[in-house]
Amino acid sequence: VVNGRGRLSEPEVKHAGSTTHPVSYTIKFMLRPEINIDYKVMPMEVLWTVSKKNRTFNWTMLQMQPEYVTKTVYKKGIEKLLLKQSPPLLDRLRLEKFNEGLCGQILHRGPYERMNDTFKILTDYLEKEGYSYKTNSHDIYFNSPLKTKPENLSTMIRIQIKKL
């Protein structure tokens, strides 16, 4: 987990991804021979909070880890990674548990610029079904905008909900 401020296209978000991914892959390849399990590194996730007062985007970038990644394994992975490289936001990265609770979600396909339309479909449905929701979103990015055409991007939009 690493926190920051700015939009998805801004450098700090890219620096966060350039930190979480190498740590995740280092831990994966470090653990593979130790536990004889190969697992898929999970996609990048971002919790977005928008300040309506000054239109500021605050975010928390997450990359889920298997349950056998303990604090000890995490620290050992960081030490191993530092022998090869020094990711930009490593000093702000931390390992923590995250429990979101009850959520509504919808899969968005296409450019990020159209995600608000998909978000509206989700919130309209939730209201119709009798749920209140937080306007902050939890987006799970299944592919990279650096490697994928905008029309082929897949993003899960998730929001916390509560039955009225």
Protein backbone atom coordinates (compact mmCIF):
# COMPACT_ATOMS: atom_id res chain seq x y z
CA VAL A 1 0.00 0.00 0.00
CA VAL A 2 1.23 3.52 -0.81
CA ASN A 3 -0.65 6.83 -0.53
CA GLY A 4 -0.44 9.88 -2.74
CA ARG A 5 -2.21 12.75 -4.45
CA GLY A 6 -3.02 13.47 -8.09
CA ARG A 7 -4.74 11.99 -11.13
CA LEU A 8 -3.96 8.64 -12.74
CA SER A 9 -1.94 10.35 -15.48
CA GLU A 10 0.36 12.22 -13.07
CA PRO A 11 3.94 11.12 -12.31
CA GLU A 12 3.41 10.22 -8.65
CA VAL A 13 0.83 7.55 -9.57
CA LYS A 14 3.29 6.08 -12.07
CA HIS A 15 6.02 6.15 -9.38
CA ALA A 16 3.69 4.24 -7.04
CA GLY A 17 3.19 1.54 -9.69
CA SER A 18 6.94 1.50 -10.26
CA THR A 19 7.25 0.71 -6.57
CA THR A 20 4.47 -1.81 -5.89
CA HIS A 21 5.12 -3.99 -8.95
CA PRO A 22 8.85 -4.66 -8.40
CA VAL A 23 8.23 -5.42 -4.72
CA SER A 24 5.42 -7.84 -5.60
CA TYR A 25 7.48 -9.62 -8.25
CA THR A 26 10.56 -9.81 -6.02
CA ILE A 27 8.50 -11.45 -3.26
CA LYS A 28 6.86 -13.84 -5.73
CA PHE A 29 10.19 -15.05 -7.14
CA MET A 30 11.78 -15.14 -3.70
CA LEU A 31 8.97 -17.34 -2.32
CA ARG A 32 8.54 -19.66 -5.29
CA PRO A 33 11.44 -22.02 -4.44
CA GLU A 34 10.82 -21.73 -0.67
CA ILE A 35 7.15 -22.74 -0.66
CA ASN A 36 6.99 -24.51 -4.04
CA ILE A 37 3.99 -22.43 -5.10
CA ASP A 38 3.78 -20.20 -8.14
CA TYR A 39 1.10 -17.51 -7.98
CA LYS A 40 -0.02 -14.66 -10.19
CA VAL A 41 0.95 -11.15 -9.15
CA MET A 42 -2.32 -9.33 -8.65
CA PRO A 43 -3.39 -6.24 -10.63
CA MET A 44 -2.90 -2.68 -9.48
CA GLU A 45 -5.75 -1.31 -7.38
CA VAL A 46 -6.39 2.31 -6.45
CA LEU A 47 -8.72 3.74 -3.81
CA TRP A 48 -9.76 7.22 -4.96
CA THR A 49 -11.02 10.01 -2.70
CA VAL A 50 -12.01 13.27 -4.35
CA SER A 51 -12.13 16.46 -2.33
CA LYS A 52 -15.12 18.39 -3.70
CA LYS A 53 -13.88 21.54 -2.02
CA ASN A 54 -10.71 21.88 -4.12
CA ARG A 55 -11.13 19.01 -6.68
CA THR A 56 -8.06 17.22 -5.31
CA PHE A 57 -7.59 13.50 -5.94
CA ASN A 58 -6.12 11.53 -3.03
CA TRP A 59 -5.35 7.90 -3.65
CA THR A 60 -4.11 4.74 -2.05
CA MET A 61 -2.48 2.25 -4.40
CA LEU A 62 -2.73 -1.38 -3.38
CA GLN A 63 -1.42 -4.64 -4.73
CA MET A 64 -2.89 -7.69 -3.01
CA GLN A 65 -0.46 -10.26 -1.62
CA PRO A 66 -1.08 -13.93 -0.77
CA GLU A 67 -1.71 -14.70 2.89
CA TYR A 68 1.74 -16.24 3.28
CA VAL A 69 3.38 -12.85 2.66
CA THR A 70 4.03 -11.87 6.27
CA LYS A 71 5.79 -8.74 7.53
CA THR A 72 8.99 -10.80 7.76
CA VAL A 73 8.66 -12.01 4.15
CA TYR A 74 7.83 -8.46 3.05
CA LYS A 75 10.93 -7.00 4.74
CA LYS A 76 13.13 -9.75 3.28
CA GLY A 77 11.70 -9.00 -0.18
CA ILE A 78 12.47 -5.28 0.21
CA GLU A 79 16.06 -6.09 1.23
CA LYS A 80 16.47 -8.36 -1.80
CA LEU A 81 15.00 -5.76 -4.18
CA LEU A 82 17.29 -3.03 -2.85
CA LEU A 83 20.31 -5.08 -3.99
CA LYS A 84 19.16 -4.51 -7.60
CA GLN A 85 17.14 -1.28 -7.64
CA SER A 86 15.60 1.45 -5.54
CA PRO A 87 11.94 2.08 -6.47
CA PRO A 88 10.90 5.74 -6.17
CA LEU A 89 8.31 5.55 -3.36
CA LEU A 90 9.76 2.64 -1.38
CA ASP A 91 10.03 4.78 1.76
CA ARG A 92 6.22 5.27 1.69
CA LEU A 93 5.30 1.65 0.91
CA ARG A 94 3.83 -0.52 3.67
CA LEU A 95 2.20 -3.91 4.14
CA GLU A 96 -1.21 -3.83 5.78
CA LYS A 97 -4.50 -5.71 5.86
CA PHE A 98 -7.48 -4.18 4.11
CA ASN A 99 -11.13 -5.12 4.60
CA GLU A 100 -13.57 -3.15 2.53
CA GLY A 101 -16.83 -4.68 3.70
CA LEU A 102 -19.99 -4.86 1.59
CA CYS A 103 -19.51 -3.43 -1.91
CA GLY A 104 -21.23 -2.93 -5.23
CA GLN A 105 -19.11 -3.29 -8.34
CA ILE A 106 -19.28 -3.11 -12.10
CA LEU A 107 -16.81 -3.92 -14.88
CA HIS A 108 -15.89 -0.95 -17.07
CA ARG A 109 -14.54 -1.65 -20.54
CA GLY A 110 -12.92 1.12 -22.53
CA PRO A 111 -11.05 4.38 -21.93
CA TYR A 112 -10.68 5.73 -18.43
CA GLU A 113 -12.33 8.98 -19.57
CA ARG A 114 -15.68 7.13 -19.79
CA MET A 115 -15.52 5.56 -16.33
CA ASN A 116 -17.89 8.18 -14.88
CA ASP A 117 -20.63 6.87 -17.23
CA THR A 118 -20.12 3.33 -15.90
CA PHE A 119 -19.99 4.64 -12.32
CA LYS A 120 -23.39 6.28 -12.92
CA ILE A 121 -24.86 2.98 -14.17
CA LEU A 122 -23.68 1.34 -10.93
CA THR A 123 -24.98 4.05 -8.61
CA ASP A 124 -28.36 4.24 -10.40
CA TYR A 125 -28.74 0.48 -9.95
CA LEU A 126 -27.72 0.59 -6.28
CA GLU A 127 -30.20 3.39 -5.54
CA LYS A 128 -32.97 1.42 -7.29
CA GLU A 129 -32.12 -1.63 -5.16
CA GLY A 130 -32.21 0.37 -1.90
CA TYR A 131 -28.51 0.89 -1.13
CA SER A 132 -26.63 3.96 -0.04
CA TYR A 133 -23.02 4.25 -1.17
CA LYS A 134 -19.83 6.16 -0.72
CA THR A 135 -18.76 8.21 -3.73
CA ASN A 136 -15.12 7.21 -3.26
CA SER A 137 -14.22 4.40 -5.61
CA HIS A 138 -11.92 1.41 -5.52
CA ASP A 139 -10.70 0.71 -9.05
CA ILE A 140 -8.96 -2.51 -10.06
CA TYR A 141 -6.97 -2.13 -13.27
CA PHE A 142 -6.80 -5.47 -15.10
CA ASN A 143 -4.43 -4.25 -17.81
CA SER A 144 -1.89 -1.52 -18.41
CA PRO A 145 -2.70 1.62 -20.42
CA LEU A 146 0.92 1.44 -21.60
CA LYS A 147 0.32 -1.92 -23.30
CA THR A 148 -3.42 -1.87 -24.08
CA LYS A 149 -5.49 0.16 -26.53
CA PRO A 150 -7.91 2.45 -24.67
CA GLU A 151 -10.97 0.65 -26.07
CA ASN A 152 -9.65 -2.66 -24.65
CA LEU A 153 -8.97 -1.50 -21.08
CA SER A 154 -10.83 -3.40 -18.33
CA THR A 155 -11.36 -1.83 -14.92
CA MET A 156 -13.49 -3.02 -12.01
CA ILE A 157 -15.20 -0.10 -10.26
CA ARG A 158 -16.10 -0.93 -6.67
CA ILE A 159 -17.83 1.20 -4.02
CA GLN A 160 -18.77 0.53 -0.42
CA ILE A 161 -22.51 0.13 0.08
CA LYS A 162 -25.06 -0.14 2.89
CA LYS A 163 -28.66 -1.33 2.72
CA LEU A 164 -31.09 1.47 3.56
